[in-house]
C-alpha atoms as a PDB file:
ATOM      1  CA  UNK A   1     -23.077  44.818  54.944  1.00  0.00           C
ATOM      2  CA  UNK A   2     -24.911  41.548  55.686  1.00  0.00           C
ATOM      3  CA  UNK A   3     -23.648  39.914  52.476  1.00  0.00           C
ATOM      4  CA  UNK A   4     -20.076  40.991  53.224  1.00  0.00           C
ATOM      5  CA  UNK A   5     -20.300  39.517  56.756  1.00  0.00           C
ATOM      6  CA  UNK A   6     -21.755  36.290  55.358  1.00  0.00           C
ATOM      7  CA  UNK A   7     -18.952  36.050  52.797  1.00  0.00           C
ATOM      8  CA  UNK A   8     -16.374  36.587  55.545  1.00  0.00           C
ATOM      9  CA  UNK A   9     -17.875  33.681  57.537  1.00  0.00           C
ATOM     10  CA  UNK A  10     -17.921  31.517  54.414  1.00  0.00           C
ATOM     11  CA  UNK A  11     -14.261  32.390  53.774  1.00  0.00           C
ATOM     12  CA  UNK A  12     -13.330  31.321  57.299  1.00  0.00           C
ATOM     13  CA  UNK A  13     -15.261  28.066  56.852  1.00  0.00           C
ATOM     14  CA  UNK A  14     -13.595  27.382  53.498  1.00  0.00           C
ATOM     15  CA  UNK A  15     -10.132  27.962  54.959  1.00  0.00           C
ATOM     16  CA  UNK A  16     -10.941  25.564  57.799  1.00  0.00           C
ATOM     17  CA  UNK A  17     -12.265  22.920  55.373  1.00  0.00           C
ATOM     18  CA  UNK A  18      -9.184  23.361  53.163  1.00  0.00           C
ATOM     19  CA  UNK A  19      -6.816  22.901  56.097  1.00  0.00           C
ATOM     20  CA  UNK A  20      -8.702  19.803  57.321  1.00  0.00           C
ATOM     21  CA  UNK A  21      -8.681  18.237  53.852  1.00  0.00           C
ATOM     22  CA  UNK A  22      -4.972  18.947  53.425  1.00  0.00           C
ATOM     23  CA  UNK A  23      -4.203  17.241  56.748  1.00  0.00           C
ATOM     24  CA  UNK A  24      -6.432  14.311  55.875  1.00  0.00           C
ATOM     25  CA  UNK A  25      -4.894  13.865  52.428  1.00  0.00           C
ATOM     26  CA  UNK A  26      -1.392  14.125  53.854  1.00  0.00           C
ATOM     27  CA  UNK A  27      -2.217  11.431  56.440  1.00  0.00           C
ATOM     28  CA  UNK A  28      -3.847   9.194  53.819  1.00  0.00           C
ATOM     29  CA  UNK A  29      -0.813   9.572  51.564  1.00  0.00           C
ATOM     30  CA  UNK A  30       1.571   8.571  54.333  1.00  0.00           C
ATOM     31  CA  UNK A  31      -0.501   5.521  55.353  1.00  0.00           C
ATOM     32  CA  UNK A  32      -0.936   4.525  51.695  1.00  0.00           C
ATOM     33  CA  UNK A  33       2.829   4.592  51.095  1.00  0.00           C
ATOM     34  CA  UNK A  34       3.507   2.742  54.337  1.00  0.00           C
ATOM     35  CA  UNK A  35       1.060  -0.115  53.743  1.00  0.00           C
ATOM     36  CA  UNK A  36       2.650  -3.521  53.273  1.00  0.00           C
ATOM     37  CA  UNK A  37       1.028  -5.912  50.829  1.00  0.00           C
ATOM     38  CA  UNK A  38      -0.185  -9.110  52.545  1.00  0.00           C
ATOM     39  CA  UNK A  39       0.817 -12.630  51.517  1.00  0.00           C
ATOM     40  CA  UNK A  40      -2.016 -15.049  50.677  1.00  0.00           C
ATOM     41  CA  UNK A  41      -4.554 -14.676  47.841  1.00  0.00           C
ATOM     42  CA  UNK A  42      -7.491 -13.739  50.079  1.00  0.00           C
ATOM     43  CA  UNK A  43      -5.481 -11.062  51.819  1.00  0.00           C
ATOM     44  CA  UNK A  44      -4.257  -9.693  48.495  1.00  0.00           C
ATOM     45  CA  UNK A  45      -7.815  -9.396  47.159  1.00  0.00           C
ATOM     46  CA  UNK A  46      -8.903  -7.674  50.353  1.00  0.00           C
ATOM     47  CA  UNK A  47      -5.852  -5.408  50.279  1.00  0.00           C
ATOM     48  CA  UNK A  48      -6.473  -4.470  46.622  1.00  0.00           C
ATOM     49  CA  UNK A  49     -10.137  -3.707  47.339  1.00  0.00           C
ATOM     50  CA  UNK A  50      -9.221  -1.472  50.259  1.00  0.00           C
ATOM     51  CA  UNK A  51      -6.552   0.289  48.200  1.00  0.00           C
ATOM     52  CA  UNK A  52      -9.023   0.901  45.359  1.00  0.00           C
ATOM     53  CA  UNK A  53     -11.607   2.355  47.747  1.00  0.00           C
ATOM     54  CA  UNK A  54      -8.954   4.509  49.391  1.00  0.00           C
ATOM     55  CA  UNK A  55      -7.741   5.710  46.006  1.00  0.00           C
ATOM     56  CA  UNK A  56     -11.253   6.739  44.958  1.00  0.00           C
ATOM     57  CA  UNK A  57     -11.783   8.560  48.241  1.00  0.00           C
ATOM     58  CA  UNK A  58      -8.500  10.427  47.840  1.00  0.00           C
ATOM     59  CA  UNK A  59      -9.515  11.374  44.302  1.00  0.00           C
ATOM     60  CA  UNK A  60     -12.864  12.776  45.479  1.00  0.00           C
ATOM     61  CA  UNK A  61     -11.242  14.670  48.323  1.00  0.00           C
ATOM     62  CA  UNK A  62      -8.566  16.070  46.009  1.00  0.00           C
ATOM     63  CA  UNK A  63     -11.236  17.427  43.644  1.00  0.00           C
ATOM     64  CA  UNK A  64     -13.121  18.936  46.576  1.00  0.00           C
ATOM     65  CA  UNK A  65      -9.909  20.557  47.822  1.00  0.00           C
ATOM     66  CA  UNK A  66      -9.327  22.070  44.378  1.00  0.00           C
ATOM     67  CA  UNK A  67     -12.866  23.537  44.333  1.00  0.00           C
ATOM     68  CA  UNK A  68     -12.378  24.951  47.832  1.00  0.00           C
ATOM     69  CA  UNK A  69      -9.053  26.519  46.871  1.00  0.00           C
ATOM     70  CA  UNK A  70     -10.659  28.083  43.774  1.00  0.00           C
ATOM     71  CA  UNK A  71     -13.428  29.539  45.954  1.00  0.00           C
ATOM     72  CA  UNK A  72     -10.887  30.992  48.400  1.00  0.00           C
ATOM     73  CA  UNK A  73      -8.977  32.536  45.488  1.00  0.00           C
ATOM     74  CA  UNK A  74     -12.217  33.981  44.065  1.00  0.00           C
ATOM     75  CA  UNK A  75     -12.963  35.591  47.437  1.00  0.00           C
ATOM     76  CA  UNK A  76      -9.490  37.132  47.452  1.00  0.00           C
ATOM     77  CA  UNK A  77      -9.940  38.320  43.844  1.00  0.00           C
ATOM     78  CA  UNK A  78     -13.374  39.776  44.590  1.00  0.00           C
ATOM     79  CA  UNK A  79     -15.146  37.533  42.060  1.00  0.00           C
ATOM     80  CA  UNK A  80     -16.697  35.112  44.563  1.00  0.00           C
ATOM     81  CA  UNK A  81     -20.470  34.786  44.641  1.00  0.00           C
ATOM     82  CA  UNK A  82     -21.095  35.461  40.949  1.00  0.00           C
ATOM     83  CA  UNK A  83     -22.467  32.777  38.636  1.00  0.00           C
ATOM     84  CA  UNK A  84     -19.856  31.770  36.064  1.00  0.00           C
ATOM     85  CA  UNK A  85     -22.575  31.330  33.419  1.00  0.00           C
ATOM     86  CA  UNK A  86     -24.945  34.307  33.798  1.00  0.00           C
ATOM     87  CA  UNK A  87     -22.862  36.580  36.103  1.00  0.00           C
ATOM     88  CA  UNK A  88     -25.812  37.062  38.475  1.00  0.00           C
ATOM     89  CA  UNK A  89     -25.166  37.134  42.198  1.00  0.00           C
ATOM     90  CA  UNK A  90     -25.438  33.733  43.835  1.00  0.00           C
ATOM     91  CA  UNK A  91     -27.705  34.006  46.899  1.00  0.00           C
ATOM     92  CA  UNK A  92     -25.947  33.755  50.271  1.00  0.00           C
ATOM     93  CA  UNK A  93     -28.211  30.833  51.217  1.00  0.00           C
ATOM     94  CA  UNK A  94     -26.799  28.815  48.291  1.00  0.00           C
ATOM     95  CA  UNK A  95     -23.246  29.857  49.136  1.00  0.00           C
ATOM     96  CA  UNK A  96     -23.813  28.725  52.728  1.00  0.00           C
ATOM     97  CA  UNK A  97     -25.115  25.366  51.503  1.00  0.00           C
ATOM     98  CA  UNK A  98     -22.441  24.842  48.826  1.00  0.00           C
ATOM     99  CA  UNK A  99     -19.645  27.328  49.528  1.00  0.00           C
ATOM    100  CA  UNK A 100     -17.497  26.249  46.572  1.00  0.00           C
ATOM    101  CA  UNK A 101     -20.298  26.577  44.016  1.00  0.00           C
ATOM    102  CA  UNK A 102     -19.672  28.650  40.926  1.00  0.00           C
ATOM    103  CA  UNK A 103     -23.218  28.723  39.590  1.00  0.00           C
ATOM    104  CA  UNK A 104     -26.656  29.924  40.584  1.00  0.00           C
ATOM    105  CA  UNK A 105     -29.460  27.392  41.002  1.00  0.00           C
ATOM    106  CA  UNK A 106     -31.055  28.223  37.632  1.00  0.00           C
ATOM    107  CA  UNK A 107     -27.815  27.715  35.680  1.00  0.00           C
ATOM    108  CA  UNK A 108     -26.933  24.585  37.678  1.00  0.00           C
ATOM    109  CA  UNK A 109     -30.326  23.064  36.831  1.00  0.00           C
ATOM    110  CA  UNK A 110     -29.782  23.809  33.122  1.00  0.00           C
ATOM    111  CA  UNK A 111     -26.342  22.212  33.297  1.00  0.00           C
ATOM    112  CA  UNK A 112     -27.680  19.085  35.009  1.00  0.00           C
ATOM    113  CA  UNK A 113     -30.538  18.741  32.486  1.00  0.00           C
ATOM    114  CA  UNK A 114     -27.998  18.983  29.659  1.00  0.00           C
ATOM    115  CA  UNK A 115     -25.811  16.316  31.283  1.00  0.00           C
ATOM    116  CA  UNK A 116     -28.819  14.040  31.761  1.00  0.00           C
ATOM    117  CA  UNK A 117     -29.804  14.398  28.089  1.00  0.00           C
ATOM    118  CA  UNK A 118     -26.230  13.620  27.047  1.00  0.00           C
ATOM    119  CA  UNK A 119     -26.206  10.486  29.211  1.00  0.00           C
ATOM    120  CA  UNK A 120     -29.513   9.354  27.709  1.00  0.00           C
ATOM    121  CA  UNK A 121     -28.122   9.797  24.190  1.00  0.00           C
ATOM    122  CA  UNK A 122     -25.160   7.492  24.859  1.00  0.00           C
ATOM    123  CA  UNK A 123     -24.760   4.890  22.149  1.00  0.00           C
ATOM    124  CA  UNK A 124     -25.490   1.261  23.068  1.00  0.00           C
ATOM    125  CA  UNK A 125     -22.128   0.021  21.837  1.00  0.00           C
ATOM    126  CA  UNK A 126     -20.310   2.064  24.480  1.00  0.00           C
ATOM    127  CA  UNK A 127     -22.726   0.828  27.125  1.00  0.00           C
ATOM    128  CA  UNK A 128     -22.095  -2.799  26.138  1.00  0.00           C
ATOM    129  CA  UNK A 129     -18.330  -2.262  26.207  1.00  0.00           C
ATOM    130  CA  UNK A 130     -18.604  -0.718  29.659  1.00  0.00           C
ATOM    131  CA  UNK A 131     -20.719  -3.629  30.886  1.00  0.00           C
ATOM    132  CA  UNK A 132     -18.145  -6.099  29.540  1.00  0.00           C
ATOM    133  CA  UNK A 133     -15.313  -4.286  31.321  1.00  0.00           C
ATOM    134  CA  UNK A 134     -17.280  -4.286  34.574  1.00  0.00           C
ATOM    135  CA  UNK A 135     -18.054  -8.006  34.248  1.00  0.00           C
ATOM    136  CA  UNK A 136     -14.357  -8.741  33.728  1.00  0.00           C
ATOM    137  CA  UNK A 137     -13.540  -7.071  37.037  1.00  0.00           C
ATOM    138  CA  UNK A 138     -15.934  -9.339  38.899  1.00  0.00           C
ATOM    139  CA  UNK A 139     -14.023 -12.482  37.914  1.00  0.00           C
ATOM    140  CA  UNK A 140     -12.501 -14.229  40.929  1.00  0.00           C
ATOM    141  CA  UNK A 141      -9.982 -17.094  41.167  1.00  0.00           C
ATOM    142  CA  UNK A 142     -12.851 -19.432  42.095  1.00  0.00           C
ATOM    143  CA  UNK A 143     -14.447 -18.732  38.677  1.00  0.00           C
ATOM    144  CA  UNK A 144     -11.459 -20.184  36.814  1.00  0.00           C
ATOM    145  CA  UNK A 145     -11.007 -23.941  36.519  1.00  0.00           C
ATOM    146  CA  UNK A 146      -7.410 -25.117  36.373  1.00  0.00           C
ATOM    147  CA  UNK A 147      -8.136 -28.853  36.007  1.00  0.00           C
ATOM    148  CA  UNK A 148      -8.937 -28.631  32.279  1.00  0.00           C
ATOM    149  CA  UNK A 149     -12.702 -29.080  32.654  1.00  0.00           C
END
């Protein structure tokens, strides 16, 4: 019965987190649409930077909301708390720490090791292309000379 009670508390917490994220995303969407672009070059750069940061935050929060909604659905389906890789029960302590997790610690560690190996095996050409793209973004109007020199 203790696991069932713990899962009920986790469900309540997930529903609360989902509702808070929905409100937050709705508010961010309305302020994003209502923002007026400023006039001078400095303001535009600042505005663009703020919009980019806001966009990334919204993206992260949207992914988190999707994971939370999947966890709530899994609770309703009766499949919550089982590792998607090995089908073992995920300990309640892990579910309390990361309520939208779909994997046990052992499988998550294997997954992260695999991802790390894949990142280390990235070819240098792709890394150089990425670095070039990043350097292009750092170019400011002060870096460009308009007087022909």
